[in-house]
Amino acid sequence: MENKQITIEVFDEVGGSAAISVDDGNTIFKKIDHAINHNVHIVLSFQNIELIITAFLNAAIGQLYSKYTSEDLTEYLEITNVKPEDKRLFNMVIERAKEYFTNTEGFDESITTEMGHHD
């Protein structure tokens, strides 16, 4: 059986070298989600991207952890052409997403407690 693969060029998706829009991140998330649901391997290329912010990464990559395990994502998603100085940002977003989606109830509860809201 032949493995299907698609490449998503972030530069083309965002229309330039800045990956900063949550809407663009959501669009990429939907494409990745659709591909994984159809057992298609995704190469997410950050070629020619000069600026990335966490809001974009949370939308594009972070929310994948709400639906998929790390193992699923390792199998289906390959992230390429990330500048060395941006790798720390990716790791931070992924770690926070894993923590949040592993323990959403406790996380939401601690935020509510921190804000002084009680049921």
PDB file of N, CA and C in Angstrom:
ATOM      1  N   MET A   1       0.839  -1.189   0.000  1.00  0.00           N
ATOM      2  CA  MET A   1       0.000   0.000   0.000  1.00  0.00           C
ATOM      3  C   MET A   1       0.878   1.245   0.000  1.00  0.00           C
ATOM      4  N   GLU A   2       0.569   2.161  -0.853  1.00  0.00           N
ATOM      5  CA  GLU A   2       1.360   3.376  -0.979  1.00  0.00           C
ATOM      6  C   GLU A   2       0.913   4.411   0.053  1.00  0.00           C
ATOM      7  N   ASN A   3       1.889   4.993   0.739  1.00  0.00           N
ATOM      8  CA  ASN A   3       1.569   6.032   1.713  1.00  0.00           C
ATOM      9  C   ASN A   3       1.352   7.355   0.995  1.00  0.00           C
ATOM     10  N   LYS A   4       0.251   8.008   1.319  1.00  0.00           N
ATOM     11  CA  LYS A   4      -0.033   9.301   0.736  1.00  0.00           C
ATOM     12  C   LYS A   4       0.656  10.371   1.562  1.00  0.00           C
ATOM     13  N   GLN A   5       1.080  11.452   0.890  1.00  0.00           N
ATOM     14  CA  GLN A   5       1.747  12.540   1.598  1.00  0.00           C
ATOM     15  C   GLN A   5       1.400  13.869   0.934  1.00  0.00           C
ATOM     16  N   ILE A   6       1.189  14.876   1.760  1.00  0.00           N
ATOM     17  CA  ILE A   6       1.005  16.228   1.241  1.00  0.00           C
ATOM     18  C   ILE A   6       1.989  17.152   1.949  1.00  0.00           C
ATOM     19  N   THR A   7       2.352  18.215   1.275  1.00  0.00           N
ATOM     20  CA  THR A   7       3.197  19.236   1.883  1.00  0.00           C
ATOM     21  C   THR A   7       2.392  20.511   1.988  1.00  0.00           C
ATOM     22  N   ILE A   8       2.414  21.088   3.176  1.00  0.00           N
ATOM     23  CA  ILE A   8       1.765  22.381   3.397  1.00  0.00           C
ATOM     24  C   ILE A   8       2.883  23.408   3.565  1.00  0.00           C
ATOM     25  N   GLU A   9       2.946  24.346   2.639  1.00  0.00           N
ATOM     26  CA  GLU A   9       3.935  25.425   2.710  1.00  0.00           C
ATOM     27  C   GLU A   9       3.314  26.568   3.505  1.00  0.00           C
ATOM     28  N   VAL A  10       3.812  26.794   4.719  1.00  0.00           N
ATOM     29  CA  VAL A  10       3.253  27.837   5.571  1.00  0.00           C
ATOM     30  C   VAL A  10       3.331  29.196   4.878  1.00  0.00           C
ATOM     31  N   PHE A  11       4.421  29.460   4.174  1.00  0.00           N
ATOM     32  CA  PHE A  11       4.592  30.727   3.452  1.00  0.00           C
ATOM     33  C   PHE A  11       3.416  30.978   2.507  1.00  0.00           C
ATOM     34  N   ASP A  12       3.022  29.949   1.770  1.00  0.00           N
ATOM     35  CA  ASP A  12       1.895  30.083   0.832  1.00  0.00           C
ATOM     36  C   ASP A  12       0.574  30.250   1.571  1.00  0.00           C
ATOM     37  N   GLU A  13       0.413  29.520   2.671  1.00  0.00           N
ATOM     38  CA  GLU A  13      -0.839  29.575   3.437  1.00  0.00           C
ATOM     39  C   GLU A  13      -1.064  30.938   4.078  1.00  0.00           C
ATOM     40  N   VAL A  14       0.011  31.536   4.585  1.00  0.00           N
ATOM     41  CA  VAL A  14      -0.133  32.819   5.286  1.00  0.00           C
ATOM     42  C   VAL A  14       0.074  34.011   4.355  1.00  0.00           C
ATOM     43  N   GLY A  15       0.495  33.745   3.137  1.00  0.00           N
ATOM     44  CA  GLY A  15       0.670  34.815   2.160  1.00  0.00           C
ATOM     45  C   GLY A  15       1.867  35.704   2.440  1.00  0.00           C
ATOM     46  N   GLY A  16       2.922  35.114   2.982  1.00  0.00           N
ATOM     47  CA  GLY A  16       4.121  35.905   3.253  1.00  0.00           C
ATOM     48  C   GLY A  16       5.016  35.231   4.266  1.00  0.00           C
ATOM     49  N   SER A  17       5.957  36.001   4.811  1.00  0.00           N
ATOM     50  CA  SER A  17       6.988  35.423   5.674  1.00  0.00           C
ATOM     51  C   SER A  17       6.669  35.511   7.162  1.00  0.00           C
ATOM     52  N   ALA A  18       5.462  35.986   7.518  1.00  0.00           N
ATOM     53  CA  ALA A  18       5.093  36.115   8.934  1.00  0.00           C
ATOM     54  C   ALA A  18       3.934  35.183   9.285  1.00  0.00           C
ATOM     55  N   ALA A  19       4.191  34.259  10.187  1.00  0.00           N
ATOM     56  CA  ALA A  19       3.158  33.325  10.665  1.00  0.00           C
ATOM     57  C   ALA A  19       2.646  33.860  11.997  1.00  0.00           C
ATOM     58  N   ILE A  20       1.685  34.785  11.920  1.00  0.00           N
ATOM     59  CA  ILE A  20       1.239  35.479  13.128  1.00  0.00           C
ATOM     60  C   ILE A  20      -0.270  35.446  13.340  1.00  0.00           C
ATOM     61  N   SER A  21      -1.028  35.055  12.348  1.00  0.00           N
ATOM     62  CA  SER A  21      -2.489  35.101  12.440  1.00  0.00           C
ATOM     63  C   SER A  21      -3.072  33.805  13.012  1.00  0.00           C
ATOM     64  N   VAL A  22      -3.928  33.944  14.007  1.00  0.00           N
ATOM     65  CA  VAL A  22      -4.632  32.785  14.566  1.00  0.00           C
ATOM     66  C   VAL A  22      -5.523  32.163  13.497  1.00  0.00           C
ATOM     67  N   ASP A  23      -6.144  32.993  12.668  1.00  0.00           N
ATOM     68  CA  ASP A  23      -6.997  32.468  11.594  1.00  0.00           C
ATOM     69  C   ASP A  23      -6.190  31.596  10.627  1.00  0.00           C
ATOM     70  N   ASP A  24      -4.998  32.059  10.257  1.00  0.00           N
ATOM     71  CA  ASP A  24      -4.133  31.248   9.388  1.00  0.00           C
ATOM     72  C   ASP A  24      -3.746  29.955  10.095  1.00  0.00           C
ATOM     73  N   GLY A  25      -3.458  30.048  11.385  1.00  0.00           N
ATOM     74  CA  GLY A  25      -3.126  28.851  12.159  1.00  0.00           C
ATOM     75  C   GLY A  25      -4.271  27.860  12.172  1.00  0.00           C
ATOM     76  N   ASN A  26      -5.495  28.372  12.346  1.00  0.00           N
ATOM     77  CA  ASN A  26      -6.683  27.504  12.333  1.00  0.00           C
ATOM     78  C   ASN A  26      -6.875  26.845  10.982  1.00  0.00           C
ATOM     79  N   THR A  27      -6.615  27.581   9.907  1.00  0.00           N
ATOM     80  CA  THR A  27      -6.722  27.018   8.561  1.00  0.00           C
ATOM     81  C   THR A  27      -5.749  25.853   8.391  1.00  0.00           C
ATOM     82  N   ILE A  28      -4.531  26.047   8.855  1.00  0.00           N
ATOM     83  CA  ILE A  28      -3.520  24.984   8.760  1.00  0.00           C
ATOM     84  C   ILE A  28      -3.912  23.806   9.645  1.00  0.00           C
ATOM     85  N   PHE A  29      -4.400  24.083  10.857  1.00  0.00           N
ATOM     86  CA  PHE A  29      -4.871  23.010  11.738  1.00  0.00           C
ATOM     87  C   PHE A  29      -5.925  22.162  11.025  1.00  0.00           C
ATOM     88  N   LYS A  30      -6.892  22.805  10.386  1.00  0.00           N
ATOM     89  CA  LYS A  30      -7.974  22.067   9.709  1.00  0.00           C
ATOM     90  C   LYS A  30      -7.427  21.185   8.595  1.00  0.00           C
ATOM     91  N   LYS A  31      -6.437  21.681   7.857  1.00  0.00           N
ATOM     92  CA  LYS A  31      -5.837  20.887   6.775  1.00  0.00           C
ATOM     93  C   LYS A  31      -5.091  19.679   7.344  1.00  0.00           C
ATOM     94  N   ILE A  32      -4.347  19.903   8.435  1.00  0.00           N
ATOM     95  CA  ILE A  32      -3.615  18.801   9.060  1.00  0.00           C
ATOM     96  C   ILE A  32      -4.604  17.782   9.620  1.00  0.00           C
ATOM     97  N   ASP A  33      -5.622  18.264  10.316  1.00  0.00           N
ATOM     98  CA  ASP A  33      -6.650  17.399  10.903  1.00  0.00           C
ATOM     99  C   ASP A  33      -7.309  16.548   9.821  1.00  0.00           C
ATOM    100  N   HIS A  34      -7.692  17.171   8.723  1.00  0.00           N
ATOM    101  CA  HIS A  34      -8.335  16.466   7.608  1.00  0.00           C
ATOM    102  C   HIS A  34      -7.406  15.375   7.056  1.00  0.00           C
ATOM    103  N   ALA A  35      -6.138  15.727   6.874  1.00  0.00           N
ATOM    104  CA  ALA A  35      -5.181  14.763   6.327  1.00  0.00           C
ATOM    105  C   ALA A  35      -4.995  13.573   7.261  1.00  0.00           C
ATOM    106  N   ILE A  36      -4.821  13.841   8.555  1.00  0.00           N
ATOM    107  CA  ILE A  36      -4.635  12.742   9.508  1.00  0.00           C
ATOM    108  C   ILE A  36      -5.866  11.836   9.523  1.00  0.00           C
ATOM    109  N   ASN A  37      -7.049  12.439   9.469  1.00  0.00           N
ATOM    110  CA  ASN A  37      -8.281  11.647   9.442  1.00  0.00           C
ATOM    111  C   ASN A  37      -8.365  10.738   8.223  1.00  0.00           C
ATOM    112  N   HIS A  38      -7.613  11.082   7.174  1.00  0.00           N
ATOM    113  CA  HIS A  38      -7.598  10.270   5.961  1.00  0.00           C
ATOM    114  C   HIS A  38      -6.277   9.512   5.804  1.00  0.00           C
ATOM    115  N   ASN A  39      -5.550   9.366   6.941  1.00  0.00           N
ATOM    116  CA  ASN A  39      -4.287   8.619   6.951  1.00  0.00           C
ATOM    117  C   ASN A  39      -3.272   9.133   5.948  1.00  0.00           C
ATOM    118  N   VAL A  40      -3.207  10.450   5.824  1.00  0.00           N
ATOM    119  CA  VAL A  40      -2.246  11.079   4.922  1.00  0.00           C
ATOM    120  C   VAL A  40      -1.146  11.725   5.757  1.00  0.00           C
ATOM    121  N   HIS A  41       0.098  11.478   5.379  1.00  0.00           N
ATOM    122  CA  HIS A  41       1.258  12.061   6.053  1.00  0.00           C
ATOM    123  C   HIS A  41       1.388  13.530   5.610  1.00  0.00           C
ATOM    124  N   ILE A  42       1.669  14.406   6.570  1.00  0.00           N
ATOM    125  CA  ILE A  42       1.773  15.839   6.275  1.00  0.00           C
ATOM    126  C   ILE A  42       3.188  16.308   6.536  1.00  0.00           C
ATOM    127  N   VAL A  43       3.744  17.035   5.582  1.00  0.00           N
ATOM    128  CA  VAL A  43       4.996  17.743   5.791  1.00  0.00           C
ATOM    129  C   VAL A  43       4.617  19.216   5.901  1.00  0.00           C
ATOM    130  N   LEU A  44       4.857  19.789   7.070  1.00  0.00           N
ATOM    131  CA  LEU A  44       4.547  21.195   7.312  1.00  0.00           C
ATOM    132  C   LEU A  44       5.854  21.967   7.211  1.00  0.00           C
ATOM    133  N   SER A  45       5.997  22.715   6.118  1.00  0.00           N
ATOM    134  CA  SER A  45       7.257  23.397   5.826  1.00  0.00           C
ATOM    135  C   SER A  45       7.202  24.875   6.218  1.00  0.00           C
ATOM    136  N   PHE A  46       8.204  25.289   6.987  1.00  0.00           N
ATOM    137  CA  PHE A  46       8.331  26.685   7.388  1.00  0.00           C
ATOM    138  C   PHE A  46       9.398  27.401   6.570  1.00  0.00           C
ATOM    139  N   GLN A  47       9.652  26.915   5.366  1.00  0.00           N
ATOM    140  CA  GLN A  47      10.615  27.538   4.456  1.00  0.00           C
ATOM    141  C   GLN A  47      10.212  28.998   4.208  1.00  0.00           C
ATOM    142  N   ASN A  48      11.175  29.904   4.300  1.00  0.00           N
ATOM    143  CA  ASN A  48      10.984  31.350   4.056  1.00  0.00           C
ATOM    144  C   ASN A  48      10.131  32.060   5.103  1.00  0.00           C
ATOM    145  N   ILE A  49       9.861  31.414   6.226  1.00  0.00           N
ATOM    146  CA  ILE A  49       9.128  32.088   7.302  1.00  0.00           C
ATOM    147  C   ILE A  49      10.147  32.792   8.198  1.00  0.00           C
ATOM    148  N   GLU A  50       9.970  34.100   8.336  1.00  0.00           N
ATOM    149  CA  GLU A  50      10.914  34.914   9.114  1.00  0.00           C
ATOM    150  C   GLU A  50      10.401  35.221  10.521  1.00  0.00           C
ATOM    151  N   LEU A  51       9.084  35.207  10.716  1.00  0.00           N
ATOM    152  CA  LEU A  51       8.514  35.552  12.009  1.00  0.00           C
ATOM    153  C   LEU A  51       7.403  34.574  12.351  1.00  0.00           C
ATOM    154  N   ILE A  52       7.486  34.000  13.551  1.00  0.00           N
ATOM    155  CA  ILE A  52       6.464  33.072  14.049  1.00  0.00           C
ATOM    156  C   ILE A  52       6.117  33.519  15.459  1.00  0.00           C
ATOM    157  N   ILE A  53       4.818  33.541  15.779  1.00  0.00           N
ATOM    158  CA  ILE A  53       4.427  33.839  17.161  1.00  0.00           C
ATOM    159  C   ILE A  53       3.642  32.664  17.736  1.00  0.00           C
ATOM    160  N   THR A  54       3.608  32.607  19.068  1.00  0.00           N
ATOM    161  CA  THR A  54       2.965  31.466  19.730  1.00  0.00           C
ATOM    162  C   THR A  54       1.476  31.361  19.416  1.00  0.00           C
ATOM    163  N   ALA A  55       0.789  32.485  19.226  1.00  0.00           N
ATOM    164  CA  ALA A  55      -0.653  32.419  18.925  1.00  0.00           C
ATOM    165  C   ALA A  55      -0.895  31.609  17.650  1.00  0.00           C
ATOM    166  N   PHE A  56      -0.066  31.829  16.644  1.00  0.00           N
ATOM    167  CA  PHE A  56      -0.162  31.073  15.396  1.00  0.00           C
ATOM    168  C   PHE A  56       0.116  29.590  15.656  1.00  0.00           C
ATOM    169  N   LEU A  57       1.193  29.309  16.382  1.00  0.00           N
ATOM    170  CA  LEU A  57       1.567  27.913  16.640  1.00  0.00           C
ATOM    171  C   LEU A  57       0.538  27.198  17.503  1.00  0.00           C
ATOM    172  N   ASN A  58      -0.035  27.894  18.471  1.00  0.00           N
ATOM    173  CA  ASN A  58      -1.086  27.276  19.292  1.00  0.00           C
ATOM    174  C   ASN A  58      -2.255  26.852  18.424  1.00  0.00           C
ATOM    175  N   ALA A  59      -2.635  27.711  17.476  1.00  0.00           N
ATOM    176  CA  ALA A  59      -3.766  27.402  16.592  1.00  0.00           C
ATOM    177  C   ALA A  59      -3.409  26.288  15.610  1.00  0.00           C
ATOM    178  N   ALA A  60      -2.236  26.380  14.988  1.00  0.00           N
ATOM    179  CA  ALA A  60      -1.863  25.433  13.933  1.00  0.00           C
ATOM    180  C   ALA A  60      -1.456  24.069  14.483  1.00  0.00           C
ATOM    181  N   ILE A  61      -0.679  24.061  15.573  1.00  0.00           N
ATOM    182  CA  ILE A  61      -0.092  22.816  16.062  1.00  0.00           C
ATOM    183  C   ILE A  61      -0.602  22.448  17.452  1.00  0.00           C
ATOM    184  N   GLY A  62      -0.662  23.404  18.346  1.00  0.00           N
ATOM    185  CA  GLY A  62      -1.051  23.122  19.729  1.00  0.00           C
ATOM    186  C   GLY A  62      -2.374  22.406  19.852  1.00  0.00           C
ATOM    187  N   GLN A  63      -3.378  22.888  19.097  1.00  0.00           N
ATOM    188  CA  GLN A  63      -4.704  22.271  19.261  1.00  0.00           C
ATOM    189  C   GLN A  63      -4.792  20.860  18.676  1.00  0.00           C
ATOM    190  N   LEU A  64      -3.791  20.428  17.920  1.00  0.00           N
ATOM    191  CA  LEU A  64      -3.767  19.038  17.448  1.00  0.00           C
ATOM    192  C   LEU A  64      -3.748  18.067  18.628  1.00  0.00           C
ATOM    193  N   TYR A  65      -3.138  18.512  19.735  1.00  0.00           N
ATOM    194  CA  TYR A  65      -3.038  17.644  20.911  1.00  0.00           C
ATOM    195  C   TYR A  65      -4.378  17.455  21.608  1.00  0.00           C
ATOM    196  N   SER A  66      -5.394  18.221  21.215  1.00  0.00           N
ATOM    197  CA  SER A  66      -6.733  17.996  21.765  1.00  0.00           C
ATOM    198  C   SER A  66      -7.390  16.779  21.120  1.00  0.00           C
ATOM    199  N   LYS A  67      -6.894  16.376  19.951  1.00  0.00           N
ATOM    200  CA  LYS A  67      -7.502  15.274  19.206  1.00  0.00           C
ATOM    201  C   LYS A  67      -6.595  14.070  19.032  1.00  0.00           C
ATOM    202  N   TYR A  68      -5.280  14.312  19.067  1.00  0.00           N
ATOM    203  CA  TYR A  68      -4.332  13.247  18.716  1.00  0.00           C
ATOM    204  C   TYR A  68      -3.280  13.071  19.801  1.00  0.00           C
ATOM    205  N   THR A  69      -2.756  11.860  19.881  1.00  0.00           N
ATOM    206  CA  THR A  69      -1.659  11.585  20.812  1.00  0.00           C
ATOM    207  C   THR A  69      -0.346  12.040  20.172  1.00  0.00           C
ATOM    208  N   SER A  70       0.668  12.138  20.991  1.00  0.00           N
ATOM    209  CA  SER A  70       2.004  12.465  20.477  1.00  0.00           C
ATOM    210  C   SER A  70       2.440  11.422  19.448  1.00  0.00           C
ATOM    211  N   GLU A  71       2.094  10.170  19.702  1.00  0.00           N
ATOM    212  CA  GLU A  71       2.466   9.088  18.781  1.00  0.00           C
ATOM    213  C   GLU A  71       1.801   9.276  17.413  1.00  0.00           C
ATOM    214  N   ASP A  72       0.506   9.638  17.427  1.00  0.00           N
ATOM    215  CA  ASP A  72      -0.198   9.890  16.164  1.00  0.00           C
ATOM    216  C   ASP A  72       0.496  11.005  15.394  1.00  0.00           C
ATOM    217  N   LEU A  73       0.809  12.071  16.101  1.00  0.00           N
ATOM    218  CA  LEU A  73       1.408  13.228  15.441  1.00  0.00           C
ATOM    219  C   LEU A  73       2.813  12.921  14.941  1.00  0.00           C
ATOM    220  N   THR A  74       3.548  12.123  15.690  1.00  0.00           N
ATOM    221  CA  THR A  74       4.885  11.728  15.242  1.00  0.00           C
ATOM    222  C   THR A  74       4.780  10.910  13.958  1.00  0.00           C
ATOM    223  N   GLU A  75       3.741  10.078  13.875  1.00  0.00           N
ATOM    224  CA  GLU A  75       3.560   9.223  12.702  1.00  0.00           C
ATOM    225  C   GLU A  75       3.118  10.011  11.467  1.00  0.00           C
ATOM    226  N   TYR A  76       2.235  10.995  11.668  1.00  0.00           N
ATOM    227  CA  TYR A  76       1.613  11.657  10.521  1.00  0.00           C
ATOM    228  C   TYR A  76       2.129  13.056  10.196  1.00  0.00           C
ATOM    229  N   LEU A  77       2.793  13.711  11.152  1.00  0.00           N
ATOM    230  CA  LEU A  77       3.178  15.100  10.940  1.00  0.00           C
ATOM    231  C   LEU A  77       4.681  15.275  11.024  1.00  0.00           C
ATOM    232  N   GLU A  78       5.242  15.852   9.977  1.00  0.00           N
ATOM    233  CA  GLU A  78       6.668  16.167   9.946  1.00  0.00           C
ATOM    234  C   GLU A  78       6.798  17.679   9.753  1.00  0.00           C
ATOM    235  N   ILE A  79       7.518  18.325  10.646  1.00  0.00           N
ATOM    236  CA  ILE A  79       7.708  19.771  10.569  1.00  0.00           C
ATOM    237  C   ILE A  79       9.126  20.017  10.073  1.00  0.00           C
ATOM    238  N   THR A  80       9.240  20.784   8.993  1.00  0.00           N
ATOM    239  CA  THR A  80      10.553  21.000   8.382  1.00  0.00           C
ATOM    240  C   THR A  80      10.855  22.487   8.212  1.00  0.00           C
ATOM    241  N   ASN A  81      12.141  22.755   7.979  1.00  0.00           N
ATOM    242  CA  ASN A  81      12.639  24.100   7.665  1.00  0.00           C
ATOM    243  C   ASN A  81      12.353  25.133   8.749  1.00  0.00           C
ATOM    244  N   VAL A  82      12.415  24.697  10.004  1.00  0.00           N
ATOM    245  CA  VAL A  82      12.265  25.629  11.120  1.00  0.00           C
ATOM    246  C   VAL A  82      13.645  26.191  11.423  1.00  0.00           C
ATOM    247  N   LYS A  83      13.731  27.506  11.523  1.00  0.00           N
ATOM    248  CA  LYS A  83      15.013  28.125  11.850  1.00  0.00           C
ATOM    249  C   LYS A  83      15.423  27.718  13.267  1.00  0.00           C
ATOM    250  N   PRO A  84      16.712  27.512  13.491  1.00  0.00           N
ATOM    251  CA  PRO A  84      17.180  27.065  14.810  1.00  0.00           C
ATOM    252  C   PRO A  84      16.673  27.944  15.957  1.00  0.00           C
ATOM    253  N   GLU A  85      16.611  29.232  15.751  1.00  0.00           N
ATOM    254  CA  GLU A  85      16.165  30.130  16.826  1.00  0.00           C
ATOM    255  C   GLU A  85      14.667  30.012  17.118  1.00  0.00           C
ATOM    256  N   ASP A  86      13.904  29.390  16.227  1.00  0.00           N
ATOM    257  CA  ASP A  86      12.463  29.219  16.448  1.00  0.00           C
ATOM    258  C   ASP A  86      12.119  27.870  17.076  1.00  0.00           C
ATOM    259  N   LYS A  87      13.062  26.953  17.134  1.00  0.00           N
ATOM    260  CA  LYS A  87      12.772  25.608  17.659  1.00  0.00           C
ATOM    261  C   LYS A  87      12.314  25.653  19.107  1.00  0.00           C
ATOM    262  N   ARG A  88      12.876  26.556  19.909  1.00  0.00           N
ATOM    263  CA  ARG A  88      12.497  26.680  21.316  1.00  0.00           C
ATOM    264  C   ARG A  88      11.011  27.038  21.434  1.00  0.00           C
ATOM    265  N   LEU A  89      10.543  27.920  20.537  1.00  0.00           N
ATOM    266  CA  LEU A  89       9.144  28.334  20.517  1.00  0.00           C
ATOM    267  C   LEU A  89       8.226  27.138  20.233  1.00  0.00           C
ATOM    268  N   PHE A  90       8.600  26.318  19.265  1.00  0.00           N
ATOM    269  CA  PHE A  90       7.820  25.123  18.930  1.00  0.00           C
ATOM    270  C   PHE A  90       7.752  24.182  20.132  1.00  0.00           C
ATOM    271  N   ASN A  91       8.909  23.945  20.743  1.00  0.00           N
ATOM    272  CA  ASN A  91       8.949  23.032  21.891  1.00  0.00           C
ATOM    273  C   ASN A  91       8.073  23.550  23.024  1.00  0.00           C
ATOM    274  N   MET A  92       8.105  24.849  23.273  1.00  0.00           N
ATOM    275  CA  MET A  92       7.301  25.436  24.342  1.00  0.00           C
ATOM    276  C   MET A  92       5.807  25.248  24.057  1.00  0.00           C
ATOM    277  N   VAL A  93       5.382  25.543  22.843  1.00  0.00           N
ATOM    278  CA  VAL A  93       3.969  25.404  22.463  1.00  0.00           C
ATOM    279  C   VAL A  93       3.523  23.947  22.578  1.00  0.00           C
ATOM    280  N   ILE A  94       4.341  23.033  22.117  1.00  0.00           N
ATOM    281  CA  ILE A  94       3.984  21.616  22.157  1.00  0.00           C
ATOM    282  C   ILE A  94       3.899  21.124  23.598  1.00  0.00           C
ATOM    283  N   GLU A  95       4.865  21.489  24.427  1.00  0.00           N
ATOM    284  CA  GLU A  95       4.839  21.057  25.829  1.00  0.00           C
ATOM    285  C   GLU A  95       3.613  21.609  26.555  1.00  0.00           C
ATOM    286  N   ARG A  96       3.305  22.881  26.331  1.00  0.00           N
ATOM    287  CA  ARG A  96       2.115  23.469  26.973  1.00  0.00           C
ATOM    288  C   ARG A  96       0.841  22.789  26.496  1.00  0.00           C
ATOM    289  N   ALA A  97       0.764  22.501  25.199  1.00  0.00           N
ATOM    290  CA  ALA A  97      -0.430  21.835  24.658  1.00  0.00           C
ATOM    291  C   ALA A  97      -0.585  20.449  25.265  1.00  0.00           C
ATOM    292  N   LYS A  98       0.516  19.713  25.357  1.00  0.00           N
ATOM    293  CA  LYS A  98       0.457  18.371  25.952  1.00  0.00           C
ATOM    294  C   LYS A  98      -0.029  18.459  27.392  1.00  0.00           C
ATOM    295  N   GLU A  99       0.540  19.382  28.168  1.00  0.00           N
ATOM    296  CA  GLU A  99       0.136  19.543  29.569  1.00  0.00           C
ATOM    297  C   GLU A  99      -1.339  19.915  29.664  1.00  0.00           C
ATOM    298  N   TYR A 100      -1.748  20.868  28.854  1.00  0.00           N
ATOM    299  CA  TYR A 100      -3.133  21.337  28.915  1.00  0.00           C
ATOM    300  C   TYR A 100      -4.112  20.231  28.547  1.00  0.00           C
ATOM    301  N   PHE A 101      -3.888  19.579  27.415  1.00  0.00           N
ATOM    302  CA  PHE A 101      -4.858  18.594  26.933  1.00  0.00           C
ATOM    303  C   PHE A 101      -4.784  17.274  27.677  1.00  0.00           C
ATOM    304  N   THR A 102      -3.706  17.036  28.420  1.00  0.00           N
ATOM    305  CA  THR A 102      -3.624  15.853  29.269  1.00  0.00           C
ATOM    306  C   THR A 102      -4.456  16.054  30.521  1.00  0.00           C
ATOM    307  N   ASN A 103      -4.541  17.302  30.973  1.00  0.00           N
ATOM    308  CA  ASN A 103      -5.199  17.591  32.237  1.00  0.00           C
ATOM    309  C   ASN A 103      -6.076  18.833  32.112  1.00  0.00           C
ATOM    310  N   THR A 104      -6.972  18.845  31.130  1.00  0.00           N
ATOM    311  CA  THR A 104      -7.784  20.041  30.899  1.00  0.00           C
ATOM    312  C   THR A 104      -8.638  20.395  32.099  1.00  0.00           C
ATOM    313  N   GLU A 105      -9.209  19.405  32.755  1.00  0.00           N
ATOM    314  CA  GLU A 105     -10.087  19.694  33.882  1.00  0.00           C
ATOM    315  C   GLU A 105      -9.308  20.367  35.013  1.00  0.00           C
ATOM    316  N   GLY A 106      -8.171  19.790  35.372  1.00  0.00           N
ATOM    317  CA  GLY A 106      -7.349  20.364  36.422  1.00  0.00           C
ATOM    318  C   GLY A 106      -6.801  21.723  36.039  1.00  0.00           C
ATOM    319  N   PHE A 107      -6.443  21.882  34.790  1.00  0.00           N
ATOM    320  CA  PHE A 107      -5.903  23.142  34.288  1.00  0.00           C
ATOM    321  C   PHE A 107      -6.970  24.232  34.364  1.00  0.00           C
ATOM    322  N   ASP A 108      -8.162  23.928  33.875  1.00  0.00           N
ATOM    323  CA  ASP A 108      -9.259  24.898  33.916  1.00  0.00           C
ATOM    324  C   ASP A 108      -9.623  25.246  35.356  1.00  0.00           C
ATOM    325  N   GLU A 109      -9.601  24.242  36.225  1.00  0.00           N
ATOM    326  CA  GLU A 109      -9.931  24.450  37.630  1.00  0.00           C
ATOM    327  C   GLU A 109      -8.909  25.369  38.299  1.00  0.00           C
ATOM    328  N   SER A 110      -7.619  25.162  37.994  1.00  0.00           N
ATOM    329  CA  SER A 110      -6.593  25.998  38.613  1.00  0.00           C
ATOM    330  C   SER A 110      -6.680  27.426  38.094  1.00  0.00           C
ATOM    331  N   ILE A 111      -7.031  27.620  36.839  1.00  0.00           N
ATOM    332  CA  ILE A 111      -7.206  28.969  36.305  1.00  0.00           C
ATOM    333  C   ILE A 111      -8.385  29.646  36.988  1.00  0.00           C
ATOM    334  N   THR A 112      -9.489  28.923  37.137  1.00  0.00           N
ATOM    335  CA  THR A 112     -10.664  29.480  37.807  1.00  0.00           C
ATOM    336  C   THR A 112     -10.319  29.864  39.245  1.00  0.00           C
ATOM    337  N   THR A 113      -9.583  28.995  39.932  1.00  0.00           N
ATOM    338  CA  THR A 113      -9.179  29.267  41.315  1.00  0.00           C
ATOM    339  C   THR A 113      -8.266  30.485  41.361  1.00  0.00           C
ATOM    340  N   GLU A 114      -7.304  30.560  40.438  1.00  0.00           N
ATOM    341  CA  GLU A 114      -6.387  31.696  40.383  1.00  0.00           C
ATOM    342  C   GLU A 114      -7.138  33.003  40.184  1.00  0.00           C
ATOM    343  N   MET A 115      -8.183  32.961  39.410  1.00  0.00           N
ATOM    344  CA  MET A 115      -8.941  34.182  39.094  1.00  0.00           C
ATOM    345  C   MET A 115      -9.968  34.513  40.176  1.00  0.00           C
ATOM    346  N   GLY A 116     -10.103  33.632  41.156  1.00  0.00           N
ATOM    347  CA  GLY A 116     -11.008  33.904  42.263  1.00  0.00           C
ATOM    348  C   GLY A 116     -12.464  33.596  41.984  1.00  0.00           C
ATOM    349  N   HIS A 117     -12.724  32.825  40.924  1.00  0.00           N
ATOM    350  CA  HIS A 117     -14.096  32.433  40.605  1.00  0.00           C
ATOM    351  C   HIS A 117     -14.378  31.070  41.228  1.00  0.00           C
ATOM    352  N   HIS A 118     -15.464  30.962  41.889  1.00  0.00           N
ATOM    353  CA  HIS A 118     -15.839  29.685  42.484  1.00  0.00           C
ATOM    354  C   HIS A 118     -17.289  29.369  42.106  1.00  0.00           C
ATOM    355  N   ASP A 119     -17.544  28.108  41.853  1.00  0.00           N
ATOM    356  CA  ASP A 119     -18.915  27.703  41.491  1.00  0.00           C
ATOM    357  C   ASP A 119     -19.805  27.683  42.716  1.00  0.00           C
TER     358      ASP A 119
END
